[in-house]
Amino acid sequence: MEALRASVERAGIPKAGGGKATASGSSKAAGKKPAAKKRIRSAPKEDLAGLSKADLYKKAAAANLPSRSQMSRDDLVKALS
């Protein structure tokens, strides 16, 4: 129990650098900016309006769209958009 108390007390003491102890135990370099987030570009959307109902049905089947056999062409376009 005493070893546990000593460990808890040591964890609460700030490091020699003057800053607080971090959860990971490492401090970030001063003045360094975090890396910029990269933008993820989505693939250009395919023009579904130009496809036939058969092609739309194939895409709906690949997307595992439920009730696709009962949908009209316009319903398939909306569901796949």
Protein backbone atom coordinates (compact mmCIF):
# COMPACT_ATOMS: atom_id res chain seq x y z
CA MET A 1 0.00 0.00 0.00
CA GLU A 2 2.87 2.34 0.82
CA ALA A 3 4.44 1.73 -2.60
CA LEU A 4 1.15 2.71 -4.22
CA ARG A 5 0.97 5.96 -2.23
CA ALA A 6 4.55 6.82 -3.17
CA SER A 7 3.79 6.17 -6.84
CA VAL A 8 0.69 8.38 -6.72
CA GLU A 9 2.64 11.17 -5.04
CA ARG A 10 5.42 10.98 -7.65
CA ALA A 11 2.86 11.15 -10.46
CA GLY A 12 1.44 14.37 -9.03
CA ILE A 13 4.82 16.16 -8.90
CA PRO A 14 5.56 18.35 -11.97
CA LYS A 15 8.61 17.42 -14.02
CA ALA A 16 11.82 19.45 -13.95
CA GLY A 17 10.82 21.20 -17.21
CA GLY A 18 8.28 23.22 -15.24
CA GLY A 19 5.26 21.81 -17.07
CA LYS A 20 2.69 19.35 -15.88
CA ALA A 21 3.16 15.68 -16.50
CA THR A 22 1.25 14.49 -19.58
CA ALA A 23 -0.75 11.32 -19.84
CA SER A 24 1.64 9.84 -22.40
CA GLY A 25 4.71 10.91 -20.46
CA SER A 26 6.15 12.91 -23.33
CA SER A 27 5.99 16.64 -23.87
CA LYS A 28 5.42 18.28 -27.23
CA ALA A 29 8.20 20.34 -28.73
CA ALA A 30 7.73 24.03 -27.97
CA GLY A 31 6.67 26.18 -30.89
CA LYS A 32 5.85 23.28 -33.17
CA LYS A 33 2.47 23.30 -34.90
CA PRO A 34 0.48 20.09 -35.26
CA ALA A 35 0.47 18.55 -38.70
CA ALA A 36 -2.19 19.93 -41.02
CA LYS A 37 -5.17 17.71 -41.66
CA LYS A 38 -5.34 16.30 -45.14
CA ARG A 39 -8.49 16.81 -47.11
CA ILE A 40 -10.19 13.70 -48.30
CA ARG A 41 -11.80 14.24 -51.64
CA SER A 42 -14.74 12.10 -52.49
CA ALA A 43 -14.90 10.52 -55.88
CA PRO A 44 -16.88 12.57 -58.38
CA LYS A 45 -20.49 11.49 -58.27
CA GLU A 46 -21.62 9.54 -61.25
CA ASP A 47 -24.52 10.93 -63.21
CA LEU A 48 -27.15 8.37 -62.27
CA ALA A 49 -29.85 10.09 -64.29
CA GLY A 50 -28.14 9.01 -67.52
CA LEU A 51 -28.16 5.30 -66.64
CA SER A 52 -30.79 2.80 -67.70
CA LYS A 53 -33.03 1.10 -65.15
CA ALA A 54 -31.09 -2.15 -65.66
CA ASP A 55 -27.80 -0.41 -64.87
CA LEU A 56 -29.34 1.29 -61.85
CA TYR A 57 -30.64 -2.08 -60.67
CA LYS A 58 -27.15 -3.59 -60.95
CA LYS A 59 -25.72 -0.73 -58.87
CA ALA A 60 -28.50 -1.17 -56.31
CA ALA A 61 -27.76 -4.88 -56.10
CA ALA A 62 -24.06 -4.15 -55.57
CA ALA A 63 -25.01 -1.68 -52.81
CA ASN A 64 -27.31 -4.34 -51.29
CA LEU A 65 -30.25 -1.96 -51.44
CA PRO A 66 -33.41 -3.57 -49.98
CA SER A 67 -36.65 -3.64 -52.03
CA ARG A 68 -34.79 -2.66 -55.19
CA SER A 69 -36.90 -4.93 -57.39
CA GLN A 70 -40.03 -2.95 -56.49
CA MET A 71 -38.51 0.49 -57.14
CA SER A 72 -39.12 2.62 -60.18
CA ARG A 73 -36.22 4.10 -62.12
CA ASP A 74 -36.62 7.42 -60.31
CA ASP A 75 -36.73 5.65 -56.93
CA LEU A 76 -33.47 3.84 -57.77
CA VAL A 77 -31.80 7.14 -58.68
CA LYS A 78 -32.91 8.69 -55.37
CA ALA A 79 -31.85 5.68 -53.33
CA LEU A 80 -28.41 5.50 -54.93
CA SER A 81 -27.74 9.23 -54.57
